[in-house]
Amino acid sequence: MGNPVPHPALRAEMARAGMDQKAVAELLGYHPSAITKRMRGDIEWRIGELQIIAARLGVPISVLVDETAAAS
């Protein structure tokens, strides 16, 4: 399996929780531009990053990851 690919549900779940990219950056201890690059797909998400976000959002990580794309 390749690196996790963020599913479009990531944005939807962030919006549902009232969480913007700046909040994700603060949660992970990153500069906001690092999150922008991940959201655009310029940098791959690490599984640990998505686990932290999923925990904060209160959803299973599987909601945030497109496993089909990660397998290709």
PDB file of N, CA and C in Angstrom:
ATOM      1  N   MET A   1       0.845  -1.179   0.000  1.00  0.00           N
ATOM      2  CA  MET A   1       0.000   0.000   0.000  1.00  0.00           C
ATOM      3  C   MET A   1       0.886   1.237   0.000  1.00  0.00           C
ATOM      4  N   GLY A   2       0.509   2.236  -0.788  1.00  0.00           N
ATOM      5  CA  GLY A   2       1.252   3.481  -0.866  1.00  0.00           C
ATOM      6  C   GLY A   2       0.884   4.404   0.281  1.00  0.00           C
ATOM      7  N   ASN A   3       1.352   5.630   0.185  1.00  0.00           N
ATOM      8  CA  ASN A   3       1.014   6.610   1.197  1.00  0.00           C
ATOM      9  C   ASN A   3      -0.468   6.939   1.148  1.00  0.00           C
ATOM     10  N   PRO A   4      -1.033   7.326   2.283  1.00  0.00           N
ATOM     11  CA  PRO A   4      -2.460   7.647   2.304  1.00  0.00           C
ATOM     12  C   PRO A   4      -2.782   8.847   1.428  1.00  0.00           C
ATOM     13  N   VAL A   5      -3.865   8.746   0.744  1.00  0.00           N
ATOM     14  CA  VAL A   5      -4.334   9.814  -0.124  1.00  0.00           C
ATOM     15  C   VAL A   5      -5.566  10.431   0.526  1.00  0.00           C
ATOM     16  N   PRO A   6      -5.557  11.738   0.770  1.00  0.00           N
ATOM     17  CA  PRO A   6      -6.714  12.330   1.434  1.00  0.00           C
ATOM     18  C   PRO A   6      -7.950  12.239   0.554  1.00  0.00           C
ATOM     19  N   HIS A   7      -8.997  11.818   1.130  1.00  0.00           N
ATOM     20  CA  HIS A   7     -10.276  11.707   0.442  1.00  0.00           C
ATOM     21  C   HIS A   7     -10.941  13.083   0.475  1.00  0.00           C
ATOM     22  N   PRO A   8     -11.771  13.390  -0.516  1.00  0.00           N
ATOM     23  CA  PRO A   8     -12.483  14.676  -0.476  1.00  0.00           C
ATOM     24  C   PRO A   8     -13.267  14.881   0.816  1.00  0.00           C
ATOM     25  N   ALA A   9     -13.562  13.796   1.515  1.00  0.00           N
ATOM     26  CA  ALA A   9     -14.284  13.912   2.782  1.00  0.00           C
ATOM     27  C   ALA A   9     -13.472  14.659   3.834  1.00  0.00           C
ATOM     28  N   LEU A  10     -12.149  14.737   3.654  1.00  0.00           N
ATOM     29  CA  LEU A  10     -11.331  15.478   4.618  1.00  0.00           C
ATOM     30  C   LEU A  10     -11.815  16.912   4.715  1.00  0.00           C
ATOM     31  N   ARG A  11     -11.987  17.553   3.585  1.00  0.00           N
ATOM     32  CA  ARG A  11     -12.482  18.943   3.595  1.00  0.00           C
ATOM     33  C   ARG A  11     -13.882  19.029   4.192  1.00  0.00           C
ATOM     34  N   ALA A  12     -14.736  18.082   3.837  1.00  0.00           N
ATOM     35  CA  ALA A  12     -16.112  18.087   4.339  1.00  0.00           C
ATOM     36  C   ALA A  12     -16.144  17.912   5.856  1.00  0.00           C
ATOM     37  N   GLU A  13     -15.325  16.992   6.357  1.00  0.00           N
ATOM     38  CA  GLU A  13     -15.293  16.756   7.805  1.00  0.00           C
ATOM     39  C   GLU A  13     -14.701  17.953   8.546  1.00  0.00           C
ATOM     40  N   MET A  14     -13.702  18.580   7.960  1.00  0.00           N
ATOM     41  CA  MET A  14     -13.140  19.788   8.566  1.00  0.00           C
ATOM     42  C   MET A  14     -14.202  20.879   8.639  1.00  0.00           C
ATOM     43  N   ALA A  15     -14.943  21.068   7.566  1.00  0.00           N
ATOM     44  CA  ALA A  15     -15.987  22.097   7.534  1.00  0.00           C
ATOM     45  C   ALA A  15     -17.074  21.786   8.562  1.00  0.00           C
ATOM     46  N   ARG A  16     -17.462  20.509   8.641  1.00  0.00           N
ATOM     47  CA  ARG A  16     -18.499  20.104   9.595  1.00  0.00           C
ATOM     48  C   ARG A  16     -18.088  20.452  11.023  1.00  0.00           C
ATOM     49  N   ALA A  17     -16.807  20.290  11.311  1.00  0.00           N
ATOM     50  CA  ALA A  17     -16.297  20.551  12.653  1.00  0.00           C
ATOM     51  C   ALA A  17     -15.890  22.014  12.860  1.00  0.00           C
ATOM     52  N   GLY A  18     -16.035  22.828  11.812  1.00  0.00           N
ATOM     53  CA  GLY A  18     -15.637  24.231  11.916  1.00  0.00           C
ATOM     54  C   GLY A  18     -14.127  24.390  12.010  1.00  0.00           C
ATOM     55  N   MET A  19     -13.415  23.479  11.383  1.00  0.00           N
ATOM     56  CA  MET A  19     -11.955  23.469  11.444  1.00  0.00           C
ATOM     57  C   MET A  19     -11.386  23.909  10.098  1.00  0.00           C
ATOM     58  N   ASP A  20     -10.584  24.954  10.098  1.00  0.00           N
ATOM     59  CA  ASP A  20      -9.975  25.404   8.851  1.00  0.00           C
ATOM     60  C   ASP A  20      -8.526  24.915   8.778  1.00  0.00           C
ATOM     61  N   GLN A  21      -7.861  25.243   7.691  1.00  0.00           N
ATOM     62  CA  GLN A  21      -6.491  24.774   7.492  1.00  0.00           C
ATOM     63  C   GLN A  21      -5.549  25.333   8.548  1.00  0.00           C
ATOM     64  N   LYS A  22      -5.800  26.540   9.009  1.00  0.00           N
ATOM     65  CA  LYS A  22      -4.961  27.128  10.058  1.00  0.00           C
ATOM     66  C   LYS A  22      -5.076  26.303  11.338  1.00  0.00           C
ATOM     67  N   ALA A  23      -6.283  25.867  11.665  1.00  0.00           N
ATOM     68  CA  ALA A  23      -6.479  25.036  12.858  1.00  0.00           C
ATOM     69  C   ALA A  23      -5.769  23.695  12.723  1.00  0.00           C
ATOM     70  N   VAL A  24      -5.786  23.120  11.522  1.00  0.00           N
ATOM     71  CA  VAL A  24      -5.070  21.863  11.283  1.00  0.00           C
ATOM     72  C   VAL A  24      -3.571  22.088  11.458  1.00  0.00           C
ATOM     73  N   ALA A  25      -3.074  23.195  10.937  1.00  0.00           N
ATOM     74  CA  ALA A  25      -1.655  23.521  11.084  1.00  0.00           C
ATOM     75  C   ALA A  25      -1.279  23.637  12.559  1.00  0.00           C
ATOM     76  N   GLU A  26      -2.105  24.306  13.326  1.00  0.00           N
ATOM     77  CA  GLU A  26      -1.839  24.455  14.761  1.00  0.00           C
ATOM     78  C   GLU A  26      -1.887  23.098  15.460  1.00  0.00           C
ATOM     79  N   LEU A  27      -2.868  22.282  15.104  1.00  0.00           N
ATOM     80  CA  LEU A  27      -3.009  20.954  15.693  1.00  0.00           C
ATOM     81  C   LEU A  27      -1.747  20.114  15.468  1.00  0.00           C
ATOM     82  N   LEU A  28      -1.200  20.201  14.263  1.00  0.00           N
ATOM     83  CA  LEU A  28      -0.038  19.389  13.908  1.00  0.00           C
ATOM     84  C   LEU A  28       1.294  20.075  14.214  1.00  0.00           C
ATOM     85  N   GLY A  29       1.241  21.360  14.573  1.00  0.00           N
ATOM     86  CA  GLY A  29       2.468  22.099  14.846  1.00  0.00           C
ATOM     87  C   GLY A  29       3.226  22.486  13.591  1.00  0.00           C
ATOM     88  N   TYR A  30       2.482  22.697  12.501  1.00  0.00           N
ATOM     89  CA  TYR A  30       3.079  23.032  11.210  1.00  0.00           C
ATOM     90  C   TYR A  30       2.763  24.475  10.840  1.00  0.00           C
ATOM     91  N   HIS A  31       3.517  24.985   9.893  1.00  0.00           N
ATOM     92  CA  HIS A  31       3.208  26.277   9.288  1.00  0.00           C
ATOM     93  C   HIS A  31       1.988  26.061   8.395  1.00  0.00           C
ATOM     94  N   PRO A  32       1.080  27.030   8.323  1.00  0.00           N
ATOM     95  CA  PRO A  32      -0.116  26.860   7.482  1.00  0.00           C
ATOM     96  C   PRO A  32       0.180  26.499   6.025  1.00  0.00           C
ATOM     97  N   SER A  33       1.303  26.964   5.494  1.00  0.00           N
ATOM     98  CA  SER A  33       1.619  26.641   4.100  1.00  0.00           C
ATOM     99  C   SER A  33       1.856  25.140   3.913  1.00  0.00           C
ATOM    100  N   ALA A  34       2.315  24.459   4.954  1.00  0.00           N
ATOM    101  CA  ALA A  34       2.516  23.011   4.867  1.00  0.00           C
ATOM    102  C   ALA A  34       1.183  22.292   4.688  1.00  0.00           C
ATOM    103  N   ILE A  35       0.144  22.799   5.330  1.00  0.00           N
ATOM    104  CA  ILE A  35      -1.182  22.193   5.196  1.00  0.00           C
ATOM    105  C   ILE A  35      -1.748  22.503   3.821  1.00  0.00           C
ATOM    106  N   THR A  36      -1.550  23.724   3.353  1.00  0.00           N
ATOM    107  CA  THR A  36      -2.011  24.087   2.012  1.00  0.00           C
ATOM    108  C   THR A  36      -1.401  23.150   0.973  1.00  0.00           C
ATOM    109  N   LYS A  37      -0.112  22.879   1.097  1.00  0.00           N
ATOM    110  CA  LYS A  37       0.559  21.984   0.145  1.00  0.00           C
ATOM    111  C   LYS A  37       0.002  20.569   0.227  1.00  0.00           C
ATOM    112  N   ARG A  38      -0.323  20.115   1.417  1.00  0.00           N
ATOM    113  CA  ARG A  38      -0.915  18.787   1.561  1.00  0.00           C
ATOM    114  C   ARG A  38      -2.326  18.752   0.984  1.00  0.00           C
ATOM    115  N   MET A  39      -3.098  19.789   1.227  1.00  0.00           N
ATOM    116  CA  MET A  39      -4.470  19.824   0.728  1.00  0.00           C
ATOM    117  C   MET A  39      -4.500  19.871  -0.794  1.00  0.00           C
ATOM    118  N   ARG A  40      -3.503  20.493  -1.402  1.00  0.00           N
ATOM    119  CA  ARG A  40      -3.414  20.551  -2.867  1.00  0.00           C
ATOM    120  C   ARG A  40      -2.845  19.268  -3.457  1.00  0.00           C
ATOM    121  N   GLY A  41      -2.219  18.454  -2.623  1.00  0.00           N
ATOM    122  CA  GLY A  41      -1.611  17.225  -3.108  1.00  0.00           C
ATOM    123  C   GLY A  41      -0.150  17.387  -3.498  1.00  0.00           C
ATOM    124  N   ASP A  42       0.441  18.545  -3.198  1.00  0.00           N
ATOM    125  CA  ASP A  42       1.856  18.769  -3.508  1.00  0.00           C
ATOM    126  C   ASP A  42       2.759  17.932  -2.602  1.00  0.00           C
ATOM    127  N   ILE A  43       2.308  17.726  -1.372  1.00  0.00           N
ATOM    128  CA  ILE A  43       3.023  16.913  -0.385  1.00  0.00           C
ATOM    129  C   ILE A  43       2.056  15.843   0.100  1.00  0.00           C
ATOM    130  N   GLU A  44       2.551  14.615   0.218  1.00  0.00           N
ATOM    131  CA  GLU A  44       1.689  13.526   0.686  1.00  0.00           C
ATOM    132  C   GLU A  44       1.488  13.629   2.197  1.00  0.00           C
ATOM    133  N   TRP A  45       0.283  13.300   2.622  1.00  0.00           N
ATOM    134  CA  TRP A  45      -0.009  13.221   4.046  1.00  0.00           C
ATOM    135  C   TRP A  45       0.686  12.001   4.628  1.00  0.00           C
ATOM    136  N   ARG A  46       1.119  12.100   5.853  1.00  0.00           N
ATOM    137  CA  ARG A  46       1.617  10.939   6.591  1.00  0.00           C
ATOM    138  C   ARG A  46       0.442  10.348   7.358  1.00  0.00           C
ATOM    139  N   ILE A  47       0.466   9.049   7.542  1.00  0.00           N
ATOM    140  CA  ILE A  47      -0.635   8.383   8.225  1.00  0.00           C
ATOM    141  C   ILE A  47      -0.819   8.955   9.636  1.00  0.00           C
ATOM    142  N   GLY A  48       0.275   9.262  10.298  1.00  0.00           N
ATOM    143  CA  GLY A  48       0.189   9.827  11.646  1.00  0.00           C
ATOM    144  C   GLY A  48      -0.524  11.170  11.675  1.00  0.00           C
ATOM    145  N   GLU A  49      -0.303  11.978  10.661  1.00  0.00           N
ATOM    146  CA  GLU A  49      -0.977  13.281  10.570  1.00  0.00           C
ATOM    147  C   GLU A  49      -2.482  13.086  10.446  1.00  0.00           C
ATOM    148  N   LEU A  50      -2.857  12.162   9.565  1.00  0.00           N
ATOM    149  CA  LEU A  50      -4.280  11.917   9.356  1.00  0.00           C
ATOM    150  C   LEU A  50      -4.920  11.276  10.582  1.00  0.00           C
ATOM    151  N   GLN A  51      -4.163  10.482  11.328  1.00  0.00           N
ATOM    152  CA  GLN A  51      -4.689   9.892  12.560  1.00  0.00           C
ATOM    153  C   GLN A  51      -4.999  10.981  13.585  1.00  0.00           C
ATOM    154  N   ILE A  52      -4.114  11.950  13.695  1.00  0.00           N
ATOM    155  CA  ILE A  52      -4.321  13.061  14.633  1.00  0.00           C
ATOM    156  C   ILE A  52      -5.548  13.870  14.226  1.00  0.00           C
ATOM    157  N   ILE A  53      -5.666  14.160  12.937  1.00  0.00           N
ATOM    158  CA  ILE A  53      -6.809  14.938  12.452  1.00  0.00           C
ATOM    159  C   ILE A  53      -8.106  14.159  12.665  1.00  0.00           C
ATOM    160  N   ALA A  54      -8.087  12.876  12.332  1.00  0.00           N
ATOM    161  CA  ALA A  54      -9.289  12.045  12.510  1.00  0.00           C
ATOM    162  C   ALA A  54      -9.718  12.025  13.975  1.00  0.00           C
ATOM    163  N   ALA A  55      -8.757  11.894  14.880  1.00  0.00           N
ATOM    164  CA  ALA A  55      -9.080  11.883  16.308  1.00  0.00           C
ATOM    165  C   ALA A  55      -9.710  13.198  16.732  1.00  0.00           C
ATOM    166  N   ARG A  56      -9.148  14.299  16.258  1.00  0.00           N
ATOM    167  CA  ARG A  56      -9.698  15.633  16.595  1.00  0.00           C
ATOM    168  C   ARG A  56     -11.104  15.811  16.035  1.00  0.00           C
ATOM    169  N   LEU A  57     -11.329  15.261  14.824  1.00  0.00           N
ATOM    170  CA  LEU A  57     -12.645  15.382  14.191  1.00  0.00           C
ATOM    171  C   LEU A  57     -13.647  14.366  14.733  1.00  0.00           C
ATOM    172  N   GLY A  58     -13.151  13.349  15.428  1.00  0.00           N
ATOM    173  CA  GLY A  58     -14.030  12.328  15.976  1.00  0.00           C
ATOM    174  C   GLY A  58     -14.563  11.369  14.930  1.00  0.00           C
ATOM    175  N   VAL A  59     -13.748  11.092  13.914  1.00  0.00           N
ATOM    176  CA  VAL A  59     -14.145  10.166  12.850  1.00  0.00           C
ATOM    177  C   VAL A  59     -13.072   9.106  12.684  1.00  0.00           C
ATOM    178  N   PRO A  60     -13.443   7.931  12.158  1.00  0.00           N
ATOM    179  CA  PRO A  60     -12.411   6.933  11.855  1.00  0.00           C
ATOM    180  C   PRO A  60     -11.510   7.444  10.735  1.00  0.00           C
ATOM    181  N   ILE A  61     -10.258   7.073  10.778  1.00  0.00           N
ATOM    182  CA  ILE A  61      -9.319   7.527   9.755  1.00  0.00           C
ATOM    183  C   ILE A  61      -9.762   7.087   8.365  1.00  0.00           C
ATOM    184  N   SER A  62     -10.470   5.987   8.273  1.00  0.00           N
ATOM    185  CA  SER A  62     -10.925   5.497   6.967  1.00  0.00           C
ATOM    186  C   SER A  62     -11.825   6.504   6.260  1.00  0.00           C
ATOM    187  N   VAL A  63     -12.461   7.375   7.020  1.00  0.00           N
ATOM    188  CA  VAL A  63     -13.300   8.418   6.420  1.00  0.00           C
ATOM    189  C   VAL A  63     -12.436   9.420   5.649  1.00  0.00           C
ATOM    190  N   LEU A  64     -11.207   9.614   6.101  1.00  0.00           N
ATOM    191  CA  LEU A  64     -10.339  10.638   5.530  1.00  0.00           C
ATOM    192  C   LEU A  64      -9.399  10.137   4.452  1.00  0.00           C
ATOM    193  N   VAL A  65      -9.322   8.813   4.266  1.00  0.00           N
ATOM    194  CA  VAL A  65      -8.339   8.252   3.358  1.00  0.00           C
ATOM    195  C   VAL A  65      -9.022   7.526   2.206  1.00  0.00           C
ATOM    196  N   ASP A  66      -8.577   7.831   1.011  1.00  0.00           N
ATOM    197  CA  ASP A  66      -9.059   7.133  -0.177  1.00  0.00           C
ATOM    198  C   ASP A  66      -8.141   5.935  -0.400  1.00  0.00           C
ATOM    199  N   GLU A  67      -8.534   4.797   0.163  1.00  0.00           N
ATOM    200  CA  GLU A  67      -7.672   3.612   0.111  1.00  0.00           C
ATOM    201  C   GLU A  67      -7.492   3.086  -1.308  1.00  0.00           C
ATOM    202  N   THR A  68      -8.451   3.306  -2.168  1.00  0.00           N
ATOM    203  CA  THR A  68      -8.331   2.872  -3.561  1.00  0.00           C
ATOM    204  C   THR A  68      -7.188   3.605  -4.241  1.00  0.00           C
ATOM    205  N   ALA A  69      -7.114   4.912  -4.050  1.00  0.00           N
ATOM    206  CA  ALA A  69      -6.047   5.704  -4.655  1.00  0.00           C
ATOM    207  C   ALA A  69      -4.704   5.359  -4.034  1.00  0.00           C
ATOM    208  N   ALA A  70      -4.678   5.065  -2.735  1.00  0.00           N
ATOM    209  CA  ALA A  70      -3.432   4.745  -2.075  1.00  0.00           C
ATOM    210  C   ALA A  70      -2.860   3.425  -2.562  1.00  0.00           C
ATOM    211  N   ALA A  71      -3.716   2.513  -2.997  1.00  0.00           N
ATOM    212  CA  ALA A  71      -3.260   1.204  -3.447  1.00  0.00           C
ATOM    213  C   ALA A  71      -2.666   1.247  -4.846  1.00  0.00           C
ATOM    214  N   SER A  72      -2.956   2.297  -5.610  1.00  0.00           N
ATOM    215  CA  SER A  72      -2.458   2.359  -6.989  1.00  0.00           C
ATOM    216  C   SER A  72      -1.113   3.000  -7.094  1.00  0.00           C
TER     217      SER A  72
END
